[in-house]
Amino acid sequence: MYAADHSLAAEAHRPAIRWLIALAAVGLGIMVYGLVRIEAWPSVFGLALIFVSQLWQIDRFVAIYEEGLRRTSPDSN
């Protein structure tokens, strides 16, 4: 659906997606720092940031998909 028409992704969702990607990048940096220094807490915290941001991003993609379905489906009223 989205691949056929990029306008189905609402512009309002794009800043949130960018922030989630930035959060995952910060988590990656913290995790790499913890792995290089062989410290558990930064590694686990970084991994948790990555994991939470990816789950949140999946939730956001579901909202975009459902919004696209509502736009393309005819009204049932």
N, C-alpha and C. Protein backbone atom coordinates (compact mmCIF):
# COMPACT_ATOMS: atom_id res chain seq x y z
N MET A 1 0.82 -1.18 0.00
CA MET A 1 0.00 0.00 0.00
C MET A 1 0.88 1.26 0.00
N TYR A 2 1.78 1.37 0.95
CA TYR A 2 2.63 2.55 1.05
C TYR A 2 3.60 2.64 -0.11
N ALA A 3 4.09 1.49 -0.58
CA ALA A 3 5.05 1.50 -1.68
C ALA A 3 4.41 2.04 -2.96
N ALA A 4 3.12 1.84 -3.12
CA ALA A 4 2.43 2.32 -4.31
C ALA A 4 2.17 3.82 -4.26
N ASP A 5 1.93 4.36 -3.07
CA ASP A 5 1.59 5.77 -2.95
C ASP A 5 2.19 6.33 -1.65
N HIS A 6 3.27 7.08 -1.79
CA HIS A 6 3.96 7.61 -0.62
C HIS A 6 3.16 8.68 0.11
N SER A 7 2.14 9.24 -0.51
CA SER A 7 1.35 10.27 0.15
C SER A 7 0.46 9.69 1.25
N LEU A 8 0.37 8.35 1.32
CA LEU A 8 -0.46 7.74 2.35
C LEU A 8 0.18 7.86 3.73
N ALA A 9 1.49 8.06 3.79
CA ALA A 9 2.16 8.26 5.08
C ALA A 9 1.98 9.72 5.48
N ALA A 10 1.31 9.94 6.57
CA ALA A 10 1.01 11.30 7.00
C ALA A 10 2.29 12.04 7.37
N GLU A 11 2.33 13.28 6.99
CA GLU A 11 3.48 14.12 7.31
C GLU A 11 3.66 14.27 8.82
N ALA A 12 2.57 14.16 9.56
CA ALA A 12 2.64 14.34 11.01
C ALA A 12 3.45 13.24 11.69
N HIS A 13 3.57 12.09 11.04
CA HIS A 13 4.29 10.97 11.64
C HIS A 13 5.81 11.05 11.41
N ARG A 14 6.23 11.75 10.40
CA ARG A 14 7.65 11.76 10.04
C ARG A 14 8.57 12.32 11.12
N PRO A 15 8.25 13.43 11.79
CA PRO A 15 9.14 13.90 12.86
C PRO A 15 9.27 12.89 14.00
N ALA A 16 8.18 12.23 14.34
CA ALA A 16 8.23 11.23 15.41
C ALA A 16 9.13 10.07 15.01
N ILE A 17 9.04 9.63 13.76
CA ILE A 17 9.88 8.54 13.28
C ILE A 17 11.36 8.97 13.34
N ARG A 18 11.64 10.20 12.96
CA ARG A 18 13.03 10.70 13.03
C ARG A 18 13.55 10.70 14.46
N TRP A 19 12.70 11.12 15.41
CA TRP A 19 13.11 11.12 16.82
C TRP A 19 13.36 9.70 17.33
N LEU A 20 12.54 8.76 16.89
CA LEU A 20 12.73 7.38 17.32
C LEU A 20 14.02 6.79 16.76
N ILE A 21 14.34 7.16 15.52
CA ILE A 21 15.60 6.71 14.94
C ILE A 21 16.78 7.33 15.68
N ALA A 22 16.65 8.60 16.05
CA ALA A 22 17.71 9.25 16.83
C ALA A 22 17.87 8.61 18.20
N LEU A 23 16.76 8.24 18.83
CA LEU A 23 16.82 7.56 20.13
C LEU A 23 17.53 6.22 20.01
N ALA A 24 17.26 5.50 18.93
CA ALA A 24 17.94 4.22 18.71
C ALA A 24 19.43 4.44 18.46
N ALA A 25 19.78 5.52 17.77
CA ALA A 25 21.20 5.81 17.52
C ALA A 25 21.92 6.14 18.82
N VAL A 26 21.27 6.88 19.70
CA VAL A 26 21.86 7.17 21.01
C VAL A 26 22.03 5.87 21.80
N GLY A 27 21.02 5.02 21.76
CA GLY A 27 21.12 3.73 22.43
C GLY A 27 22.25 2.88 21.87
N LEU A 28 22.44 2.93 20.56
CA LEU A 28 23.54 2.20 19.94
C LEU A 28 24.89 2.71 20.45
N GLY A 29 25.03 4.03 20.53
CA GLY A 29 26.27 4.59 21.04
C GLY A 29 26.56 4.18 22.47
N ILE A 30 25.53 4.23 23.31
CA ILE A 30 25.70 3.83 24.71
C ILE A 30 26.04 2.35 24.80
N MET A 31 25.37 1.53 23.98
CA MET A 31 25.63 0.10 24.01
C MET A 31 27.06 -0.22 23.55
N VAL A 32 27.52 0.44 22.50
CA VAL A 32 28.88 0.21 22.02
C VAL A 32 29.89 0.64 23.07
N TYR A 33 29.64 1.78 23.71
CA TYR A 33 30.52 2.22 24.79
C TYR A 33 30.61 1.15 25.88
N GLY A 34 29.46 0.62 26.28
CA GLY A 34 29.45 -0.42 27.31
C GLY A 34 30.16 -1.69 26.88
N LEU A 35 30.03 -2.04 25.61
CA LEU A 35 30.70 -3.24 25.12
C LEU A 35 32.21 -3.04 25.04
N VAL A 36 32.64 -1.85 24.62
CA VAL A 36 34.08 -1.57 24.52
C VAL A 36 34.70 -1.53 25.91
N ARG A 37 34.00 -0.92 26.86
CA ARG A 37 34.52 -0.81 28.22
C ARG A 37 34.25 -2.05 29.07
N ILE A 38 33.53 -3.00 28.48
CA ILE A 38 33.13 -4.24 29.15
C ILE A 38 32.41 -3.93 30.47
N GLU A 39 31.38 -3.10 30.34
CA GLU A 39 30.53 -2.73 31.48
C GLU A 39 29.10 -3.14 31.14
N ALA A 40 28.45 -3.76 32.11
CA ALA A 40 27.12 -4.32 31.86
C ALA A 40 26.03 -3.25 31.76
N TRP A 41 26.03 -2.28 32.69
CA TRP A 41 24.92 -1.34 32.72
C TRP A 41 24.80 -0.49 31.47
N PRO A 42 25.85 0.10 30.95
CA PRO A 42 25.67 0.85 29.70
C PRO A 42 25.24 -0.05 28.54
N SER A 43 25.75 -1.27 28.52
CA SER A 43 25.37 -2.20 27.44
C SER A 43 23.89 -2.53 27.50
N VAL A 44 23.41 -2.84 28.69
CA VAL A 44 21.99 -3.21 28.86
C VAL A 44 21.10 -1.99 28.65
N PHE A 45 21.49 -0.84 29.16
CA PHE A 45 20.70 0.37 28.99
C PHE A 45 20.62 0.77 27.52
N GLY A 46 21.73 0.70 26.81
CA GLY A 46 21.74 1.01 25.38
C GLY A 46 20.86 0.05 24.59
N LEU A 47 20.96 -1.22 24.93
CA LEU A 47 20.12 -2.22 24.27
C LEU A 47 18.65 -1.96 24.56
N ALA A 48 18.33 -1.58 25.79
CA ALA A 48 16.94 -1.28 26.14
C ALA A 48 16.43 -0.07 25.36
N LEU A 49 17.26 0.96 25.20
CA LEU A 49 16.86 2.12 24.40
C LEU A 49 16.57 1.73 22.96
N ILE A 50 17.44 0.92 22.40
CA ILE A 50 17.23 0.46 21.02
C ILE A 50 15.93 -0.34 20.93
N PHE A 51 15.74 -1.26 21.85
CA PHE A 51 14.58 -2.13 21.84
C PHE A 51 13.29 -1.33 21.98
N VAL A 52 13.24 -0.41 22.94
CA VAL A 52 12.03 0.38 23.16
C VAL A 52 11.75 1.28 21.96
N SER A 53 12.78 1.90 21.41
CA SER A 53 12.54 2.78 20.26
C SER A 53 12.05 1.99 19.05
N GLN A 54 12.54 0.78 18.85
CA GLN A 54 12.08 -0.03 17.73
C GLN A 54 10.64 -0.50 17.94
N LEU A 55 10.28 -0.87 19.16
CA LEU A 55 8.90 -1.24 19.43
C LEU A 55 7.96 -0.06 19.21
N TRP A 56 8.38 1.10 19.65
CA TRP A 56 7.58 2.31 19.47
C TRP A 56 7.45 2.64 17.99
N GLN A 57 8.51 2.42 17.24
CA GLN A 57 8.49 2.67 15.80
C GLN A 57 7.53 1.69 15.10
N ILE A 58 7.51 0.44 15.52
CA ILE A 58 6.57 -0.52 14.95
C ILE A 58 5.14 -0.06 15.24
N ASP A 59 4.89 0.40 16.46
CA ASP A 59 3.56 0.91 16.80
C ASP A 59 3.19 2.09 15.92
N ARG A 60 4.13 2.96 15.66
CA ARG A 60 3.89 4.13 14.81
C ARG A 60 3.58 3.69 13.38
N PHE A 61 4.29 2.67 12.88
CA PHE A 61 4.03 2.17 11.53
C PHE A 61 2.64 1.54 11.43
N VAL A 62 2.19 0.90 12.49
CA VAL A 62 0.83 0.35 12.49
C VAL A 62 -0.18 1.48 12.41
N ALA A 63 0.05 2.56 13.14
CA ALA A 63 -0.85 3.72 13.08
C ALA A 63 -0.86 4.32 11.68
N ILE A 64 0.29 4.40 11.03
CA ILE A 64 0.36 4.93 9.66
C ILE A 64 -0.41 4.01 8.71
N TYR A 65 -0.23 2.71 8.87
CA TYR A 65 -0.91 1.75 8.02
C TYR A 65 -2.43 1.84 8.18
N GLU A 66 -2.89 1.90 9.44
CA GLU A 66 -4.33 2.00 9.67
C GLU A 66 -4.89 3.31 9.14
N GLU A 67 -4.13 4.38 9.26
CA GLU A 67 -4.56 5.67 8.72
C GLU A 67 -4.67 5.59 7.20
N GLY A 68 -3.72 4.92 6.57
CA GLY A 68 -3.77 4.74 5.12
C GLY A 68 -4.96 3.91 4.69
N LEU A 69 -5.29 2.88 5.47
CA LEU A 69 -6.47 2.08 5.16
C LEU A 69 -7.75 2.90 5.26
N ARG A 70 -7.82 3.75 6.27
CA ARG A 70 -9.01 4.59 6.42
C ARG A 70 -9.13 5.57 5.26
N ARG A 71 -8.00 6.06 4.77
CA ARG A 71 -8.05 7.02 3.65
C ARG A 71 -8.46 6.35 2.35
N THR A 72 -8.03 5.10 2.13
CA THR A 72 -8.29 4.46 0.85
C THR A 72 -9.60 3.68 0.81
N SER A 73 -10.13 3.28 1.96
CA SER A 73 -11.36 2.49 1.95
C SER A 73 -12.57 3.40 1.83
N PRO A 74 -13.58 2.94 1.12
CA PRO A 74 -14.79 3.76 1.01
C PRO A 74 -15.53 3.79 2.34
N ASP A 75 -16.23 4.88 2.58
CA ASP A 75 -16.98 5.02 3.83
C ASP A 75 -18.11 4.00 3.87
N SER A 76 -18.27 3.37 5.02
CA SER A 76 -19.33 2.36 5.17
C SER A 76 -20.61 2.97 5.71
N ASN A 77 -20.62 4.29 5.95
CA ASN A 77 -21.82 4.95 6.48
C ASN A 77 -22.78 5.27 5.38
